[in-house]
Amino acid sequence: MTSARLTIDPHFSVGPINRRIFGSFVEHLGRCVYDGIYEPGHPTADDEGFRQDVIDLVKELGVSTIRYPGGNFVSGFRWEDSVGPREKRPRRLDLAWHSTETNEIGLHEFASWLDKVDSELMLAVNLGTRGPLEALDLLEYSNIAGGSALADQRIANGRTDAFGVKMWCLGNEMDGPWQLGHRSADDYGKIASQTAKAMRQLDPSVELVVCGSSSAHMPTFGEWERVVLTHTYDDVDYISCHAYYEEKNGDLGSFLASAVDMDHFIESVVATADHVKAVVGSDKTIDISFDEWNVWYIERFHNVDKIEGIDNWPVAPRLLEDVYSVADAVVFGSLMISMLKHADRVTSASLAQLVNVIAPIMTEPGGPAWRQATFFPFALTSQLATGRALEVKLEAPTYETEVYGVVPLVDAVATHDAETGRAAVFLVNRSQGEPVSVTIDVSALGEITVLDAQTLADDDVYAKNTLDEPERVALRANDSAELAEGQLTIVLPAVSWTAVSLGA
């Protein structure tokens, strides 16, 4: 059997794990909000119309922060439409997704839902078709206790306490020609700096995310980051990264190695940010908010699902409802490994998205909600990855890919919580045909035992959970895990993701 080795030592620390990396993303897109989190006629709906079965799954998923309300949607959004009496809220045409937005769910309702799922709000402002004044208005409405026109308006609308939003996104994907208000890096950097400075005058405690590239494969990647950060370095706290992956042309080998691309993306942005830091002479370090990431079959959307027509503006259409396989979930789990491996700089992240739209949770109107295959690696990583991320010393065989060249057959990261003594190891086997036996030196952790070992794998790597078979794919106990004399051995099935929990 093919073998690999790695070492876990608390002294090999990458950095502390910020709970915000287990964030997600809810956009007014397709059935994410309407028929997703909100369905007043559903048997489980609470008194506000929110599906309790979805609330329960979101809590099980372990989501920390939720980015809202977009996404491409935000670049045409007027936040004022989403507050006040529902019967007076206007219906608007959403150009981003060629749909009608009813504004039935807005800031107040979403904040109430966040309280139910124990998550923090990460709010995006429109810098596509609006600017600093509108961002200031939204900040005043959200964060000022009272005594001003907009704060008093919030109180009149039923929210006595301020929302107290800490994290704010300065627009969305402004490098993309598809974006309403698309600008050059120079023009966006200027308006982002103006907006950031204005927002800090009103609330110095806000944490601000400036738009990085919407993909590492954009023609402006790298230079975009340099120019934008040159304008905004002292004004912001984060720069965003966005990345989506899909299997193309039946090339499963390259798809399974997608995290190699994410690693390179992160490291390139870090290098650029640190270059600007040196040039401007700042003593502050810019972190990464990887606030859009997932497996997404984008080509399918462009070829099949795209809505068109001047008189065709549906409400909550079925859009981007990818059904995820075991292979997709293994790649998904490896992307989480990549972010943990860079925990010193990736301190916020948002899985895009949460319900129905390229999501770990699916719903049927009037029917059930269920977990997609990607639900499992997120939920278990969110549960187990605490304390600090550790750099593992990995020795593994390699294989050749068409897209990424030679890559390791196994990828792994470990975490360790000094307070509880608990540790976790997350592993991926990219081999399509053979299991891999991994030996892990855990002697530096002291007296520990294997608390649990769970693996996501299937003889059919394209097996999926669906409305008809909602439990076809699930985590299963990996009984091969054995620990003796400081050496943990475990067998990873072909095309698999595994999590091992260790403790006293």
Protein backbone atom coordinates (compact mmCIF):
# COMPACT_ATOMS: atom_id res chain seq x y z
CA MET A 1 0.00 0.00 0.00
CA THR A 2 1.17 3.53 -0.78
CA SER A 3 2.34 5.30 2.36
CA ALA A 4 2.89 8.83 3.66
CA ARG A 5 4.27 10.32 6.86
CA LEU A 6 3.73 13.52 8.76
CA THR A 7 4.72 15.03 12.09
CA ILE A 8 2.58 17.07 14.45
CA ASP A 9 4.35 19.35 16.91
CA PRO A 10 2.77 22.32 18.73
CA HIS A 11 6.04 24.20 18.25
CA PHE A 12 5.43 24.27 14.47
CA SER A 13 2.67 26.86 14.70
CA VAL A 14 1.22 28.66 11.69
CA GLY A 15 -0.96 30.96 13.75
CA PRO A 16 -4.15 31.22 15.80
CA ILE A 17 -7.38 30.06 14.19
CA ASN A 18 -9.85 32.92 13.92
CA ARG A 19 -13.42 31.62 14.20
CA ARG A 20 -14.37 33.97 11.39
CA ILE A 21 -12.81 31.62 8.84
CA PHE A 22 -15.88 29.43 9.37
CA GLY A 23 -18.14 32.09 7.93
CA SER A 24 -20.65 31.81 5.12
CA PHE A 25 -22.50 34.01 2.66
CA VAL A 26 -26.18 34.77 2.09
CA GLU A 27 -26.96 36.74 -1.06
CA HIS A 28 -30.31 37.79 -2.46
CA LEU A 29 -29.84 35.33 -5.29
CA GLY A 30 -32.08 32.50 -6.47
CA ARG A 31 -33.65 30.58 -3.57
CA CYS A 32 -31.02 31.40 -0.95
CA VAL A 33 -33.28 33.77 1.00
CA TYR A 34 -36.79 33.14 -0.35
CA ASP A 35 -37.72 29.43 -0.21
CA GLY A 36 -34.37 28.94 1.54
CA ILE A 37 -34.02 30.51 4.95
CA TYR A 38 -37.47 32.15 4.65
CA GLU A 39 -40.69 30.34 3.75
CA PRO A 40 -43.67 31.53 5.82
CA GLY A 41 -45.96 28.72 4.64
CA HIS A 42 -43.57 25.91 5.53
CA PRO A 43 -44.65 23.46 8.27
CA THR A 44 -41.55 24.33 10.34
CA ALA A 45 -41.79 28.12 9.85
CA ASP A 46 -41.53 30.17 13.04
CA ASP A 47 -43.54 33.30 13.81
CA GLU A 48 -41.24 35.35 11.54
CA GLY A 49 -41.52 32.96 8.61
CA PHE A 50 -38.05 31.42 8.96
CA ARG A 51 -37.69 27.67 8.43
CA GLN A 52 -36.73 26.02 11.71
CA ASP A 53 -35.30 22.98 9.93
CA VAL A 54 -32.86 25.29 8.11
CA ILE A 55 -31.99 27.11 11.34
CA ASP A 56 -31.16 23.77 12.96
CA LEU A 57 -28.89 22.76 10.07
CA VAL A 58 -27.11 26.13 10.00
CA LYS A 59 -26.38 25.79 13.72
CA GLU A 60 -25.12 22.24 13.16
CA LEU A 61 -22.88 23.54 10.37
CA GLY A 62 -21.16 25.85 12.86
CA VAL A 63 -21.22 29.07 10.86
CA SER A 64 -19.59 32.02 12.64
CA THR A 65 -20.03 35.05 10.38
CA ILE A 66 -22.38 35.59 7.46
CA ARG A 67 -21.65 38.03 4.64
CA TYR A 68 -24.79 39.82 3.37
CA PRO A 69 -26.60 40.87 1.10
CA GLY A 70 -24.15 40.23 -1.76
CA GLY A 71 -22.29 39.49 -3.90
CA ASN A 72 -23.08 40.92 -7.28
CA PHE A 73 -26.53 41.81 -5.94
CA VAL A 74 -25.13 44.55 -3.71
CA SER A 75 -23.82 46.66 -6.60
CA GLY A 76 -27.38 47.60 -7.59
CA PHE A 77 -28.90 47.49 -4.10
CA ARG A 78 -30.49 50.45 -2.32
CA TRP A 79 -30.36 49.55 1.35
CA GLU A 80 -33.27 51.89 2.16
CA ASP A 81 -35.56 49.54 0.21
CA SER A 82 -35.03 46.81 2.81
CA VAL A 83 -36.16 48.65 5.96
CA GLY A 84 -39.44 50.04 7.21
CA PRO A 85 -42.96 48.59 6.84
CA ARG A 86 -42.95 45.63 4.47
CA GLU A 87 -46.07 46.78 2.66
CA LYS A 88 -44.25 49.98 1.66
CA ARG A 89 -41.05 48.35 0.44
CA PRO A 90 -40.58 48.59 -3.34
CA ARG A 91 -40.10 45.68 -5.71
CA ARG A 92 -36.90 46.20 -7.66
CA LEU A 93 -35.29 44.59 -10.69
CA ASP A 94 -31.99 42.94 -9.79
CA LEU A 95 -29.73 43.26 -12.82
CA ALA A 96 -27.03 41.00 -11.37
CA TRP A 97 -29.16 37.85 -11.49
CA HIS A 98 -32.00 39.07 -13.77
CA SER A 99 -34.62 38.61 -11.06
CA THR A 100 -37.17 40.59 -9.06
CA GLU A 101 -36.29 41.50 -5.49
CA THR A 102 -39.36 41.90 -3.28
CA ASN A 103 -37.41 43.27 -0.29
CA GLU A 104 -39.63 41.22 1.99
CA ILE A 105 -36.48 40.24 3.87
CA GLY A 106 -34.20 43.12 4.77
CA LEU A 107 -31.69 44.22 7.36
CA HIS A 108 -33.98 43.92 10.40
CA GLU A 109 -35.33 40.50 9.47
CA PHE A 110 -31.92 39.13 8.57
CA ALA A 111 -30.41 40.37 11.82
CA SER A 112 -33.19 38.59 13.69
CA TRP A 113 -32.42 35.38 11.78
CA LEU A 114 -28.73 35.74 12.65
CA ASP A 115 -29.66 35.81 16.33
CA LYS A 116 -31.47 32.50 15.86
CA VAL A 117 -28.41 30.83 14.26
CA ASP A 118 -25.83 32.49 16.56
CA SER A 119 -23.88 34.17 13.76
CA GLU A 120 -22.27 37.57 13.27
CA LEU A 121 -23.31 39.97 10.50
CA MET A 122 -20.74 40.98 7.88
CA LEU A 123 -22.37 43.75 5.84
CA ALA A 124 -21.49 44.79 2.29
CA VAL A 125 -21.97 48.34 1.01
CA ASN A 126 -22.75 49.29 -2.57
CA LEU A 127 -19.75 50.90 -4.26
CA GLY A 128 -20.91 49.89 -7.71
CA THR A 129 -23.72 52.39 -8.27
CA ARG A 130 -23.41 54.36 -5.02
CA GLY A 131 -20.63 55.82 -2.90
CA PRO A 132 -19.39 57.15 0.46
CA LEU A 133 -22.59 59.02 1.40
CA GLU A 134 -24.83 55.97 1.08
CA ALA A 135 -22.30 53.86 3.00
CA LEU A 136 -22.26 56.46 5.78
CA ASP A 137 -26.05 56.46 5.90
CA LEU A 138 -26.16 52.70 6.29
CA LEU A 139 -23.47 52.79 8.96
CA GLU A 140 -25.33 55.49 10.90
CA TYR A 141 -28.59 53.55 10.63
CA SER A 142 -26.89 50.36 11.81
CA ASN A 143 -24.41 51.41 14.48
CA ILE A 144 -25.46 54.71 16.12
CA ALA A 145 -27.50 54.21 19.28
CA GLY A 146 -29.86 57.13 18.74
CA GLY A 147 -30.23 60.88 18.51
CA SER A 148 -29.70 61.18 14.74
CA ALA A 149 -32.25 61.03 11.95
CA LEU A 150 -31.20 57.62 10.67
CA ALA A 151 -30.62 56.05 14.08
CA ASP A 152 -34.05 57.27 15.16
CA GLN A 153 -35.50 55.87 11.96
CA ARG A 154 -34.09 52.45 12.88
CA ILE A 155 -35.67 52.74 16.32
CA ALA A 156 -39.01 53.71 14.74
CA ASN A 157 -38.67 50.64 12.53
CA GLY A 158 -38.59 48.42 15.60
CA ARG A 159 -34.93 48.04 16.53
CA THR A 160 -34.09 49.94 19.72
CA ASP A 161 -30.53 48.65 20.02
CA ALA A 162 -27.98 49.37 17.31
CA PHE A 163 -27.02 46.43 15.12
CA GLY A 164 -23.36 47.01 16.01
CA VAL A 165 -21.97 45.67 12.74
CA LYS A 166 -18.18 45.29 12.95
CA MET A 167 -17.15 43.88 9.56
CA TRP A 168 -17.94 45.79 6.37
CA CYS A 169 -17.13 44.94 2.75
CA LEU A 170 -16.31 47.92 0.53
CA GLY A 171 -18.23 46.74 -2.52
CA ASN A 172 -17.95 43.43 -4.33
CA GLU A 173 -15.71 42.12 -7.13
CA MET A 174 -15.09 45.58 -8.54
CA ASP A 175 -12.40 44.13 -10.82
CA GLY A 176 -15.05 42.15 -12.75
CA PRO A 177 -16.47 43.54 -16.03
CA TRP A 178 -19.76 41.81 -15.09
CA GLN A 179 -20.12 44.05 -12.03
CA LEU A 180 -22.43 47.05 -12.06
CA GLY A 181 -20.12 50.05 -11.64
CA HIS A 182 -17.00 48.09 -12.62
CA ARG A 183 -13.95 50.32 -12.22
CA SER A 184 -10.24 50.25 -12.82
CA ALA A 185 -8.03 49.45 -9.84
CA ASP A 186 -7.03 53.10 -9.63
CA ASP A 187 -10.62 54.39 -9.63
CA TYR A 188 -11.85 51.75 -7.21
CA GLY A 189 -8.91 52.29 -4.87
CA LYS A 190 -9.77 55.99 -4.66
CA ILE A 191 -13.46 55.52 -3.85
CA ALA A 192 -12.70 52.68 -1.43
CA SER A 193 -10.22 54.91 0.41
CA GLN A 194 -12.70 57.79 0.54
CA THR A 195 -15.45 55.51 1.84
CA ALA A 196 -13.21 53.86 4.42
CA LYS A 197 -11.97 57.18 5.79
CA ALA A 198 -15.53 58.49 6.04
CA MET A 199 -16.80 55.35 7.78
CA ARG A 200 -13.98 55.50 10.33
CA GLN A 201 -14.83 59.12 11.10
CA LEU A 202 -18.28 57.92 12.09
CA ASP A 203 -17.30 54.63 13.77
CA PRO A 204 -13.55 54.11 14.32
CA SER A 205 -14.14 50.52 15.49
CA VAL A 206 -15.28 49.13 12.13
CA GLU A 207 -13.21 46.47 10.36
CA LEU A 208 -13.08 47.03 6.62
CA VAL A 209 -12.54 44.65 3.71
CA VAL A 210 -11.33 46.07 0.41
CA CYS A 211 -12.01 44.20 -2.83
CA GLY A 212 -9.18 42.07 -4.12
CA SER A 213 -9.37 40.07 -7.32
CA SER A 214 -12.45 37.97 -7.98
CA SER A 215 -10.15 35.22 -9.24
CA ALA A 216 -6.44 34.50 -9.40
CA HIS A 217 -6.97 34.03 -13.14
CA MET A 218 -8.22 37.56 -13.84
CA PRO A 219 -5.95 39.39 -16.28
CA THR A 220 -5.51 42.17 -13.71
CA PHE A 221 -4.64 39.85 -10.79
CA GLY A 222 -1.67 41.00 -8.75
CA GLU A 223 -1.53 44.46 -10.22
CA TRP A 224 -5.11 45.03 -9.02
CA GLU A 225 -4.08 44.20 -5.45
CA ARG A 226 -0.99 46.40 -5.64
CA VAL A 227 -2.82 49.46 -6.92
CA VAL A 228 -5.86 49.12 -4.66
CA LEU A 229 -3.75 48.60 -1.54
CA THR A 230 -1.50 51.51 -2.46
CA HIS A 231 -4.60 53.70 -2.16
CA THR A 232 -6.15 51.99 0.86
CA TYR A 233 -3.43 50.31 2.92
CA ASP A 234 -3.81 52.47 6.03
CA ASP A 235 -7.61 52.63 5.66
CA VAL A 236 -8.56 48.93 5.69
CA ASP A 237 -7.96 45.74 7.63
CA TYR A 238 -8.51 43.02 5.01
CA ILE A 239 -8.25 42.42 1.30
CA SER A 240 -10.66 39.90 -0.17
CA CYS A 241 -9.97 36.76 -2.20
CA HIS A 242 -12.58 34.88 -4.23
CA ALA A 243 -12.06 31.43 -5.76
CA TYR A 244 -14.32 28.76 -7.24
CA TYR A 245 -13.35 25.37 -8.58
CA GLU A 246 -15.03 22.80 -10.80
CA GLU A 247 -14.12 19.58 -12.56
CA LYS A 248 -13.58 20.30 -16.25
CA ASN A 249 -13.44 17.92 -19.19
CA GLY A 250 -13.43 14.86 -16.96
CA ASP A 251 -10.06 15.82 -15.48
CA LEU A 252 -10.66 14.55 -11.94
CA GLY A 253 -6.94 14.46 -11.12
CA SER A 254 -6.51 18.21 -11.60
CA PHE A 255 -9.79 18.95 -9.85
CA LEU A 256 -8.69 17.02 -6.76
CA ALA A 257 -5.58 19.21 -6.66
CA SER A 258 -7.54 22.51 -6.64
CA ALA A 259 -6.15 23.47 -3.22
CA VAL A 260 -2.71 23.82 -4.83
CA ASP A 261 -4.16 26.75 -6.75
CA MET A 262 -5.73 28.20 -3.60
CA ASP A 263 -2.37 27.94 -1.80
CA HIS A 264 -0.68 29.86 -4.59
CA PHE A 265 -3.47 32.46 -4.68
CA ILE A 266 -3.18 33.16 -0.95
CA GLU A 267 0.60 33.32 -1.00
CA SER A 268 0.60 35.69 -4.00
CA VAL A 269 -1.83 38.09 -2.33
CA VAL A 270 0.16 37.98 0.91
CA ALA A 271 3.36 38.77 -0.99
CA THR A 272 1.72 41.70 -2.77
CA ALA A 273 0.21 43.08 0.44
CA ASP A 274 3.55 42.86 2.22
CA HIS A 275 5.26 44.57 -0.72
CA VAL A 276 2.85 47.50 -0.43
CA LYS A 277 3.37 47.54 3.35
CA ALA A 278 7.09 48.02 2.78
CA VAL A 279 6.60 50.66 0.10
CA VAL A 280 4.20 52.79 2.17
CA GLY A 281 6.18 52.24 5.35
CA SER A 282 3.26 50.96 7.39
CA ASP A 283 3.59 48.99 10.62
CA LYS A 284 0.19 47.33 10.05
CA THR A 285 -0.31 43.94 8.40
CA ILE A 286 -3.23 43.40 6.03
CA ASP A 287 -4.99 40.05 6.43
CA ILE A 288 -7.05 38.12 3.90
CA SER A 289 -10.81 37.77 3.97
CA PHE A 290 -11.46 34.80 1.67
CA ASP A 291 -15.06 35.88 1.51
CA GLU A 292 -16.14 33.77 -1.46
CA TRP A 293 -14.96 30.21 -1.95
CA ASN A 294 -16.52 26.93 -2.99
CA VAL A 295 -16.91 24.33 -5.68
CA TRP A 296 -19.14 25.94 -8.32
CA TYR A 297 -19.96 24.62 -11.79
CA ILE A 298 -19.90 28.06 -13.39
CA GLU A 299 -19.93 26.75 -16.96
CA ARG A 300 -23.25 25.03 -16.22
CA PHE A 301 -24.75 28.35 -15.11
CA HIS A 302 -23.66 30.16 -18.25
CA ASN A 303 -24.80 27.36 -20.55
CA VAL A 304 -28.06 26.26 -18.90
CA ASP A 305 -29.40 28.35 -16.01
CA LYS A 306 -28.86 31.94 -17.10
CA ILE A 307 -32.05 34.04 -17.15
CA GLU A 308 -32.59 36.46 -20.02
CA GLY A 309 -35.38 38.57 -21.55
CA ILE A 310 -36.53 42.16 -21.02
CA ASP A 311 -39.89 41.00 -19.61
CA ASN A 312 -38.59 37.97 -17.68
CA TRP A 313 -37.76 38.92 -14.08
CA PRO A 314 -38.81 35.98 -11.86
CA VAL A 315 -38.94 36.03 -8.06
CA ALA A 316 -36.57 33.56 -6.35
CA PRO A 317 -35.84 31.41 -9.42
CA ARG A 318 -33.91 28.16 -9.13
CA LEU A 319 -30.39 29.39 -9.85
CA LEU A 320 -26.96 27.89 -9.19
CA GLU A 321 -28.42 24.85 -7.42
CA ASP A 322 -25.40 22.62 -7.87
CA VAL A 323 -25.78 19.11 -6.45
CA TYR A 324 -22.48 18.07 -4.90
CA SER A 325 -20.75 14.72 -5.15
CA VAL A 326 -18.26 12.97 -2.89
CA ALA A 327 -15.47 14.18 -5.18
CA ASP A 328 -16.74 17.76 -4.84
CA ALA A 329 -16.80 17.39 -1.05
CA VAL A 330 -13.24 16.04 -0.97
CA VAL A 331 -12.04 19.09 -2.92
CA PHE A 332 -14.15 21.29 -0.65
CA GLY A 333 -12.48 19.76 2.41
CA SER A 334 -9.06 20.30 0.89
CA LEU A 335 -9.85 23.99 0.38
CA MET A 336 -10.55 24.24 4.11
CA ILE A 337 -7.17 22.59 4.72
CA SER A 338 -5.58 25.27 2.52
CA MET A 339 -7.09 28.10 4.53
CA LEU A 340 -6.05 26.54 7.83
CA LYS A 341 -2.51 26.15 6.46
CA HIS A 342 -2.53 29.95 6.05
CA ALA A 343 -4.30 30.79 9.31
CA ASP A 344 -1.71 33.44 10.09
CA ARG A 345 -3.10 35.59 7.26
CA VAL A 346 -6.49 34.13 6.33
CA THR A 347 -8.43 35.33 9.35
CA SER A 348 -11.88 35.60 7.79
CA ALA A 349 -13.65 33.54 5.15
CA SER A 350 -17.15 33.10 3.77
CA LEU A 351 -18.34 29.89 2.16
CA ALA A 352 -20.44 30.93 -0.83
CA GLN A 353 -23.24 30.27 -0.26
CA LEU A 354 -25.33 28.84 2.58
CA VAL A 355 -28.73 27.58 1.37
CA ASN A 356 -29.80 26.25 -2.07
CA VAL A 357 -27.37 28.42 -4.08
CA ILE A 358 -24.09 26.46 -4.46
CA ALA A 359 -24.78 25.50 -0.88
CA PRO A 360 -24.19 22.82 1.76
CA ILE A 361 -27.90 22.96 2.69
CA MET A 362 -30.75 22.32 0.24
CA THR A 363 -34.48 22.79 0.69
CA GLU A 364 -37.66 21.88 -1.13
CA PRO A 365 -40.61 24.32 -0.87
CA GLY A 366 -43.09 22.83 1.57
CA GLY A 367 -40.78 19.84 1.95
CA PRO A 368 -37.56 18.76 3.64
CA ALA A 369 -34.15 20.33 4.10
CA TRP A 370 -31.06 18.15 3.75
CA ARG A 371 -27.29 18.14 3.93
CA GLN A 372 -25.25 18.13 0.75
CA ALA A 373 -21.97 16.20 0.66
CA THR A 374 -20.05 19.44 1.28
CA PHE A 375 -21.91 19.95 4.56
CA PHE A 376 -19.86 17.31 6.34
CA PRO A 377 -16.27 18.60 5.99
CA PHE A 378 -17.38 22.12 6.90
CA ALA A 379 -19.33 21.08 9.99
CA LEU A 380 -16.62 18.77 11.32
CA THR A 381 -13.75 21.19 10.62
CA SER A 382 -15.66 24.01 12.29
CA GLN A 383 -16.20 21.78 15.31
CA LEU A 384 -12.68 20.38 15.65
CA ALA A 385 -10.31 23.11 14.40
CA THR A 386 -9.62 25.18 17.52
CA GLY A 387 -6.58 26.83 19.04
CA ARG A 388 -3.74 27.14 16.54
CA ALA A 389 -3.07 25.72 13.10
CA LEU A 390 0.12 23.68 12.90
CA GLU A 391 2.52 23.21 10.04
CA VAL A 392 2.83 19.48 9.48
CA LYS A 393 6.04 17.97 8.15
CA LEU A 394 4.57 15.90 5.33
CA GLU A 395 6.31 13.28 3.23
CA ALA A 396 4.02 11.90 0.53
CA PRO A 397 4.25 10.48 -2.99
CA THR A 398 3.25 12.72 -5.88
CA TYR A 399 1.27 12.45 -9.08
CA GLU A 400 1.12 14.39 -12.32
CA THR A 401 -1.82 16.68 -13.14
CA GLU A 402 -2.61 18.35 -16.42
CA VAL A 403 -3.35 21.74 -14.84
CA TYR A 404 -1.09 21.99 -11.77
CA GLY A 405 1.85 19.78 -12.66
CA VAL A 406 3.27 17.48 -9.98
CA VAL A 407 1.32 17.62 -6.70
CA PRO A 408 1.35 15.60 -3.45
CA LEU A 409 -1.01 12.61 -3.32
CA VAL A 410 -1.87 13.52 0.27
CA ASP A 411 -2.57 16.93 1.78
CA ALA A 412 -2.91 17.60 5.49
CA VAL A 413 -3.04 20.15 8.27
CA ALA A 414 -3.29 19.85 12.04
CA THR A 415 -4.65 22.01 14.82
CA HIS A 416 -3.91 22.12 18.55
CA ASP A 417 -5.69 23.79 21.45
CA ALA A 418 -3.27 24.32 24.33
CA GLU A 419 -6.09 25.07 26.78
CA THR A 420 -7.95 21.79 26.27
CA GLY A 421 -5.05 19.65 25.06
CA ARG A 422 -7.12 18.62 22.07
CA ALA A 423 -5.74 18.28 18.58
CA ALA A 424 -7.14 17.43 15.17
CA VAL A 425 -5.70 16.26 11.88
CA PHE A 426 -7.40 16.84 8.54
CA LEU A 427 -6.26 14.75 5.57
CA VAL A 428 -7.09 14.31 1.90
CA ASN A 429 -6.17 11.38 -0.34
CA ARG A 430 -6.18 12.53 -3.96
CA SER A 431 -5.50 9.06 -5.37
CA GLN A 432 -8.31 7.90 -7.63
CA GLY A 433 -7.47 4.23 -7.36
CA GLU A 434 -5.68 3.31 -4.16
CA PRO A 435 -5.86 3.86 -0.42
CA VAL A 436 -2.91 5.48 1.33
CA SER A 437 -1.56 4.45 4.72
CA VAL A 438 -0.48 7.51 6.71
CA THR A 439 1.77 7.39 9.76
CA ILE A 440 1.55 10.46 11.99
CA ASP A 441 4.14 11.20 14.65
CA VAL A 442 2.11 12.67 17.50
CA SER A 443 4.66 12.09 20.26
CA ALA A 444 5.13 15.84 20.80
CA LEU A 445 1.49 16.06 21.91
CA GLY A 446 2.18 13.96 25.00
CA GLU A 447 -0.27 11.40 26.41
CA ILE A 448 -3.21 11.42 24.03
CA THR A 449 -5.68 9.03 22.50
CA VAL A 450 -7.81 8.88 19.35
CA LEU A 451 -11.19 10.32 20.28
CA ASP A 452 -12.74 9.89 16.83
CA ALA A 453 -11.86 9.38 13.18
CA GLN A 454 -14.37 10.16 10.42
CA THR A 455 -13.95 9.75 6.67
CA LEU A 456 -15.96 10.96 3.70
CA ALA A 457 -15.56 8.53 0.80
CA ASP A 458 -17.63 6.27 -1.45
CA ASP A 459 -17.07 3.57 -4.03
CA ASP A 460 -18.88 5.95 -6.39
CA VAL A 461 -17.01 9.26 -6.18
CA TYR A 462 -19.94 10.94 -7.91
CA ALA A 463 -22.51 9.79 -5.34
CA LYS A 464 -24.72 12.68 -4.14
CA ASN A 465 -27.41 13.54 -1.63
CA THR A 466 -30.66 14.49 -3.34
CA LEU A 467 -34.32 15.09 -2.52
CA ASP A 468 -34.99 11.41 -3.27
CA GLU A 469 -31.87 10.14 -1.48
CA PRO A 470 -30.99 12.76 1.15
CA GLU A 471 -28.72 10.43 3.13
CA ARG A 472 -26.89 8.65 0.32
CA VAL A 473 -23.58 10.32 1.33
CA ALA A 474 -22.41 10.68 4.93
CA LEU A 475 -19.38 10.58 7.17
CA ARG A 476 -18.38 7.15 8.38
CA ALA A 477 -16.16 6.03 11.23
CA ASN A 478 -12.64 5.19 10.11
CA ASP A 479 -11.81 2.13 12.21
CA SER A 480 -8.29 1.83 10.78
CA ALA A 481 -6.95 4.54 13.13
CA GLU A 482 -4.47 3.07 15.64
CA LEU A 483 -2.21 4.85 18.11
CA ALA A 484 0.82 3.22 19.72
CA GLU A 485 4.03 4.68 21.17
CA GLY A 486 3.37 8.14 19.79
CA GLN A 487 2.68 6.91 16.26
CA LEU A 488 -0.80 7.19 14.77
CA THR A 489 -1.53 5.15 11.67
CA ILE A 490 -4.65 5.49 9.54
CA VAL A 491 -5.70 4.31 6.09
CA LEU A 492 -7.23 6.90 3.79
CA PRO A 493 -9.54 5.47 1.10
CA ALA A 494 -9.14 6.64 -2.48
CA VAL A 495 -10.66 10.10 -3.13
CA SER A 496 -11.39 10.82 0.52
CA TRP A 497 -11.41 13.48 3.22
CA THR A 498 -10.70 12.48 6.82
CA ALA A 499 -10.74 14.19 10.21
CA VAL A 500 -9.08 12.68 13.30
CA SER A 501 -9.78 14.07 16.76
CA LEU A 502 -7.13 13.58 19.46
CA GLY A 503 -7.20 14.32 23.16
CA ALA A 504 -6.43 13.18 26.67
